Amino acid sequence: MRKLKAEIIDKLIEVRATGSEVDFLIWLSHYQNDAGFVRGVYYRNTTEDLHISFQTFYNAMRGLERKGIISVTKDELYRGDWDIRILNNDFSDQELRQGGHAENYLNTGLSVFYSREFFDMKANEKLMTMLYIKIAGAGSPNYHIGTEKFFEKYTEIFGVKKRALQNYLTGIKRFFSIGIKKREYWINPLRKKVCNQNNAETDRSEYVKQIAGSLCRRFRLQEPQKAYKAVTELASQYYYTIKKDIGIYLTDTVKAYLLMINGDADPHKWKVRKINQKLLHRLLREQLPAGALL
């Protein structure tokens, strides 16, 4: 579910989010569930995807936490990664999952939000890009505003001088057609650069990838490639048929499975951590409460 609610974009601008904080939030949005929750955020995955250092990753995470954009917790069993919730980004309501009102969110599944061109921009250029794409998604693709009104409005919003705004407009031209007509700025997304990739299959594959990786790490599963494949296939199979987050049920099932084959309640004493996919699947079906399936 690759979406960010409109008020989050406004807050990022208000709190003067840094470029790395924007990048990290975009990355999180690609792996969140319908409630804005990302399970098992591992620094190595993020640093490789965003081409940043561990220190930049850590600073961005803690910066967003201090600014009230995300909440961060550690898993009790495995403390090598973090559980992160994007605050006020809950789309678990059925109407919102099916689309809702476009003006209420930014579609982060667009090609621009996977582009190095976007990540290489300055912080306010990124935020301006997000703002105008959100406006375009709300049914105003040909955004126009008087030139005087533009500078009056956005110098206040971004807290900068007129010259800085002119530079931002130059910077975002890689994603927008920008022109002046009858003393108005006309700002339109470039179709070749802002393509819609927000399909359900990609939502599923990215979420499943995150779940499988986190479970393999957290439970230190043996034969990790086989374990990853087993968890991935089960998560993919039930992604559309479970009413709630399949990640919750899979986490509980893997824990119950390891407890069953080891016979010891203390996870630190588990020696056997191999996954039998058929047995895991059977246990998952047994673990599902009545009415869990659609």
Protein backbone atom coordinates (compact mmCIF):
# COMPACT_ATOMS: atom_id res chain seq x y z
CA MET A 1 0.00 0.00 0.00
CA ARG A 2 2.17 2.78 -1.34
CA LYS A 3 0.42 5.90 -0.12
CA LEU A 4 1.04 8.88 2.16
CA LYS A 5 -1.84 10.97 3.44
CA ALA A 6 -1.91 14.61 2.38
CA GLU A 7 -1.45 15.91 5.91
CA ILE A 8 1.86 14.05 6.17
CA ILE A 9 3.19 15.99 3.18
CA ASP A 10 2.09 19.21 4.85
CA LYS A 11 3.78 18.21 8.10
CA LEU A 12 7.04 17.30 6.36
CA ILE A 13 7.13 20.84 4.98
CA GLU A 14 6.15 22.35 8.32
CA VAL A 15 8.88 20.55 10.30
CA ARG A 16 11.51 21.27 7.63
CA ALA A 17 12.25 17.62 6.86
CA THR A 18 15.72 16.93 5.47
CA GLY A 19 16.31 15.25 2.13
CA SER A 20 17.33 11.96 3.76
CA GLU A 21 14.23 12.03 5.98
CA VAL A 22 12.02 12.43 2.91
CA ASP A 23 13.83 9.57 1.16
CA PHE A 24 13.47 7.28 4.16
CA LEU A 25 9.76 8.02 4.52
CA ILE A 26 9.17 7.29 0.83
CA TRP A 27 11.05 4.01 1.27
CA LEU A 28 8.94 3.09 4.30
CA SER A 29 5.73 3.81 2.41
CA HIS A 30 6.65 1.14 -0.14
CA TYR A 31 6.66 -1.60 2.52
CA GLN A 32 3.92 -0.57 4.94
CA ASN A 33 0.72 -2.46 5.58
CA ASP A 34 -2.73 -0.86 5.39
CA ALA A 35 -2.27 0.63 8.86
CA GLY A 36 1.03 2.35 8.01
CA PHE A 37 3.12 -0.26 9.87
CA VAL A 38 6.45 -1.63 8.59
CA ARG A 39 7.70 -4.74 10.35
CA GLY A 40 11.41 -5.48 10.62
CA VAL A 41 13.14 -2.48 9.04
CA TYR A 42 16.74 -3.58 8.56
CA TYR A 43 19.37 -0.91 8.01
CA ARG A 44 21.24 -2.87 5.33
CA ASN A 45 18.19 -3.13 3.06
CA THR A 46 17.50 0.58 3.38
CA THR A 47 21.08 1.75 2.92
CA GLU A 48 21.49 -0.41 -0.19
CA ASP A 49 18.22 0.75 -1.75
CA LEU A 50 18.80 4.44 -1.02
CA HIS A 51 22.61 4.42 -1.45
CA ILE A 52 23.21 5.96 1.96
CA SER A 53 25.42 5.23 4.97
CA PHE A 54 24.26 3.67 8.21
CA GLN A 55 24.69 7.01 9.97
CA THR A 56 22.45 8.73 7.42
CA PHE A 57 19.86 5.97 7.83
CA TYR A 58 19.96 6.29 11.62
CA ASN A 59 19.82 10.10 11.56
CA ALA A 60 16.83 10.04 9.18
CA MET A 61 14.95 7.51 11.28
CA ARG A 62 15.52 9.36 14.54
CA GLY A 63 14.86 12.72 12.89
CA LEU A 64 11.45 11.59 11.63
CA GLU A 65 10.71 10.15 15.06
CA ARG A 66 11.57 13.44 16.83
CA LYS A 67 9.44 15.39 14.37
CA GLY A 68 6.39 13.21 15.04
CA ILE A 69 6.21 11.58 11.60
CA ILE A 70 6.97 8.00 12.69
CA SER A 71 7.16 5.89 15.83
CA VAL A 72 9.99 3.38 16.29
CA THR A 73 10.14 0.24 18.46
CA LYS A 74 12.43 -2.76 18.85
CA ASP A 75 11.30 -6.37 18.63
CA GLU A 76 11.65 -8.21 21.96
CA LEU A 77 13.13 -11.38 20.42
CA TYR A 78 15.45 -9.93 17.80
CA ARG A 79 16.92 -6.48 18.33
CA GLY A 80 18.76 -6.13 15.05
CA ASP A 81 16.01 -4.19 13.28
CA TRP A 82 13.11 -1.88 14.03
CA ASP A 83 9.33 -1.88 13.76
CA ILE A 84 8.20 1.48 12.40
CA ARG A 85 4.77 3.03 12.09
CA ILE A 86 4.06 6.00 9.85
CA LEU A 87 1.83 8.02 12.15
CA ASN A 88 -1.62 9.06 10.94
CA ASN A 89 -1.26 7.00 7.75
CA ASP A 90 -3.89 4.37 8.43
CA PHE A 91 -5.74 3.14 5.32
CA SER A 92 -7.18 0.00 6.92
CA ASP A 93 -10.73 1.27 6.43
CA GLN A 94 -12.27 -0.67 3.53
CA GLU A 95 -13.23 2.47 1.57
CA LEU A 96 -9.69 3.85 1.76
CA ARG A 97 -8.17 0.49 0.72
CA GLN A 98 -10.34 0.51 -2.38
CA GLY A 99 -9.27 3.99 -3.38
CA GLY A 100 -10.96 6.57 -1.21
CA HIS A 101 -10.60 10.20 -2.16
CA ALA A 102 -7.50 10.97 -4.24
CA GLU A 103 -7.04 14.39 -2.71
CA ASN A 104 -6.36 12.74 0.64
CA TYR A 105 -3.13 10.98 -0.28
CA LEU A 106 0.02 10.95 -2.37
CA ASN A 107 0.56 7.90 -4.57
CA THR A 108 4.15 6.84 -3.76
CA GLY A 109 3.94 3.97 -6.23
CA LEU A 110 4.64 6.37 -9.11
CA SER A 111 7.85 5.90 -11.05
CA VAL A 112 9.22 9.24 -9.80
CA PHE A 113 9.48 7.82 -6.28
CA TYR A 114 11.84 5.07 -7.46
CA SER A 115 14.02 7.45 -9.48
CA ARG A 116 17.56 8.50 -8.59
CA GLU A 117 16.68 11.88 -10.10
CA PHE A 118 14.17 12.37 -7.29
CA PHE A 119 16.48 11.19 -4.51
CA ASP A 120 19.29 13.42 -5.78
CA MET A 121 17.20 16.61 -5.46
CA LYS A 122 17.34 19.06 -2.56
CA ALA A 123 14.90 18.56 0.31
CA ASN A 124 12.46 21.33 -0.61
CA GLU A 125 12.56 20.32 -4.28
CA LYS A 126 11.47 16.84 -3.21
CA LEU A 127 8.71 18.26 -1.04
CA MET A 128 7.50 20.57 -3.79
CA THR A 129 7.48 17.63 -6.20
CA MET A 130 5.42 15.57 -3.75
CA LEU A 131 3.03 18.46 -3.18
CA TYR A 132 2.31 19.10 -6.86
CA ILE A 133 1.99 15.40 -7.70
CA LYS A 134 -0.51 15.08 -4.86
CA ILE A 135 -2.46 18.04 -6.27
CA ALA A 136 -2.36 16.49 -9.75
CA GLY A 137 -3.62 13.19 -8.36
CA ALA A 138 -6.54 15.03 -6.81
CA GLY A 139 -7.82 15.94 -10.25
CA SER A 140 -5.85 19.14 -10.96
CA PRO A 141 -3.14 17.99 -13.37
CA ASN A 142 -2.91 21.47 -14.90
CA TYR A 143 -2.15 23.31 -11.67
CA HIS A 144 -2.03 27.05 -12.21
CA ILE A 145 -1.57 30.00 -9.88
CA GLY A 146 -0.85 33.69 -10.37
CA THR A 147 2.85 34.47 -10.32
CA GLU A 148 2.54 36.97 -7.49
CA LYS A 149 0.28 34.65 -5.54
CA PHE A 150 2.74 31.79 -6.08
CA PHE A 151 5.62 33.64 -4.43
CA GLU A 152 3.41 35.03 -1.69
CA LYS A 153 2.03 31.58 -0.84
CA TYR A 154 5.12 29.40 -1.14
CA THR A 155 7.70 31.71 0.41
CA GLU A 156 5.55 31.47 3.53
CA ILE A 157 4.97 27.69 3.27
CA PHE A 158 8.63 26.82 2.72
CA GLY A 159 10.06 29.66 4.78
CA VAL A 160 12.42 30.84 2.02
CA LYS A 161 13.03 33.86 -0.20
CA LYS A 162 11.74 34.36 -3.73
CA ARG A 163 15.11 33.46 -5.27
CA ALA A 164 15.08 30.06 -3.53
CA LEU A 165 11.62 29.29 -4.93
CA GLN A 166 12.80 30.16 -8.42
CA ASN A 167 15.64 27.68 -7.95
CA TYR A 168 13.19 25.00 -6.74
CA LEU A 169 11.10 25.48 -9.87
CA THR A 170 14.21 24.97 -11.97
CA GLY A 171 15.04 21.85 -9.99
CA ILE A 172 11.63 20.19 -10.38
CA LYS A 173 11.51 20.75 -14.14
CA ARG A 174 12.93 17.23 -14.50
CA PHE A 175 9.44 16.02 -13.52
CA PHE A 176 7.14 18.89 -14.55
CA SER A 177 6.33 21.11 -17.46
CA ILE A 178 6.42 24.64 -16.04
CA GLY A 179 5.42 27.74 -17.96
CA ILE A 180 3.96 31.23 -17.53
CA LYS A 181 0.77 32.23 -19.31
CA LYS A 182 -1.24 35.39 -18.60
CA ARG A 183 0.81 36.03 -15.45
CA GLU A 184 0.13 32.57 -14.10
CA TYR A 185 2.43 29.63 -13.47
CA TRP A 186 1.17 26.42 -15.09
CA ILE A 187 2.69 23.30 -13.54
CA ASN A 188 1.96 19.90 -15.09
CA PRO A 189 3.57 16.50 -14.36
CA LEU A 190 5.51 15.01 -17.28
CA ARG A 191 3.79 11.75 -18.20
CA LYS A 192 7.03 10.00 -19.13
CA LYS A 193 8.60 10.86 -15.78
CA VAL A 194 5.55 10.51 -13.51
CA CYS A 195 4.09 7.14 -14.53
CA ASN A 196 1.54 5.19 -12.54
CA GLN A 197 3.05 1.98 -11.17
CA ASN A 198 0.65 1.69 -8.26
CA ASN A 199 -0.74 -1.74 -9.12
CA ALA A 200 -1.91 -4.26 -6.56
CA GLU A 201 0.62 -6.89 -7.61
CA THR A 202 3.57 -4.61 -6.80
CA ASP A 203 1.97 -3.69 -3.48
CA ARG A 204 1.83 -7.37 -2.64
CA SER A 205 5.35 -8.26 -3.81
CA GLU A 206 7.03 -5.43 -1.89
CA TYR A 207 5.08 -6.11 1.30
CA VAL A 208 5.72 -9.87 1.08
CA LYS A 209 9.45 -9.27 0.53
CA GLN A 210 9.61 -7.18 3.71
CA ILE A 211 7.70 -9.74 5.80
CA ALA A 212 9.74 -12.72 4.63
CA GLY A 213 13.07 -10.99 5.18
CA SER A 214 12.15 -9.82 8.67
CA LEU A 215 10.93 -13.27 9.79
CA CYS A 216 14.06 -15.02 8.51
CA ARG A 217 16.24 -12.58 10.45
CA ARG A 218 14.21 -12.37 13.63
CA PHE A 219 13.85 -16.11 14.09
CA ARG A 220 17.34 -16.83 12.69
CA LEU A 221 15.84 -19.46 10.40
CA GLN A 222 18.19 -22.13 9.09
CA GLU A 223 18.54 -22.69 5.35
CA PRO A 224 17.46 -19.08 4.88
CA GLN A 225 16.86 -19.31 1.13
CA LYS A 226 14.39 -22.16 1.58
CA ALA A 227 12.82 -20.45 4.57
CA TYR A 228 12.48 -17.18 2.65
CA LYS A 229 10.83 -19.03 -0.24
CA ALA A 230 8.41 -20.82 2.10
CA VAL A 231 7.34 -17.65 3.92
CA THR A 232 7.12 -15.67 0.66
CA GLU A 233 4.84 -18.22 -0.96
CA LEU A 234 2.52 -18.39 2.04
CA ALA A 235 2.39 -14.62 2.43
CA SER A 236 1.65 -14.21 -1.29
CA GLN A 237 -1.04 -16.88 -1.19
CA TYR A 238 -2.93 -15.31 1.70
CA TYR A 239 -2.25 -11.63 0.99
CA TYR A 240 -5.64 -11.10 -0.67
CA THR A 241 -7.66 -13.61 1.31
CA ILE A 242 -6.88 -12.55 4.90
CA LYS A 243 -9.04 -9.77 6.33
CA LYS A 244 -6.17 -8.40 8.41
CA ASP A 245 -2.38 -8.19 8.05
CA ILE A 246 -0.99 -11.59 6.98
CA GLY A 247 2.31 -10.58 8.60
CA ILE A 248 0.73 -10.81 12.06
CA TYR A 249 -0.52 -14.35 11.49
CA LEU A 250 2.73 -15.52 9.90
CA THR A 251 4.81 -14.15 12.78
CA ASP A 252 2.65 -15.98 15.32
CA THR A 253 2.69 -19.15 13.21
CA VAL A 254 6.48 -19.26 12.78
CA LYS A 255 6.88 -18.72 16.53
CA ALA A 256 4.38 -21.51 17.29
CA TYR A 257 6.08 -23.79 14.75
CA LEU A 258 9.55 -23.34 16.30
CA LEU A 259 8.13 -23.84 19.77
CA MET A 260 6.43 -27.05 18.66
CA ILE A 261 9.50 -28.66 17.04
CA ASN A 262 11.89 -27.56 19.81
CA GLY A 263 9.65 -28.22 22.79
CA ASP A 264 11.09 -25.31 24.75
CA ALA A 265 9.37 -22.05 25.58
CA ASP A 266 12.66 -20.13 25.65
CA PRO A 267 13.44 -18.95 22.09
CA HIS A 268 17.14 -18.57 22.96
CA LYS A 269 17.36 -22.35 23.46
CA TRP A 270 15.83 -23.30 20.11
CA LYS A 271 18.38 -25.34 18.14
CA VAL A 272 16.20 -26.52 15.25
CA ARG A 273 15.13 -23.61 13.04
CA LYS A 274 14.45 -25.30 9.71
CA ILE A 275 11.10 -24.64 8.08
CA ASN A 276 8.94 -27.35 6.56
CA GLN A 277 6.60 -25.43 4.30
CA LYS A 278 3.76 -27.97 4.31
CA LEU A 279 3.79 -28.23 8.09
CA LEU A 280 4.02 -24.45 8.43
CA HIS A 281 1.06 -24.04 6.09
CA ARG A 282 -1.02 -26.53 8.05
CA LEU A 283 -0.19 -24.76 11.29
CA LEU A 284 -1.08 -21.41 9.75
CA ARG A 285 -4.52 -22.73 8.82
CA GLU A 286 -4.97 -23.99 12.37
CA GLN A 287 -3.86 -20.66 13.83
CA LEU A 288 -6.28 -18.56 11.79
CA PRO A 289 -9.28 -17.55 13.90
CA ALA A 290 -12.82 -18.15 12.66
CA GLY A 291 -13.81 -15.56 10.09
CA ALA A 292 -10.23 -14.50 9.31
CA LEU A 293 -10.52 -15.44 5.64
CA LEU A 294 -12.47 -13.32 3.19
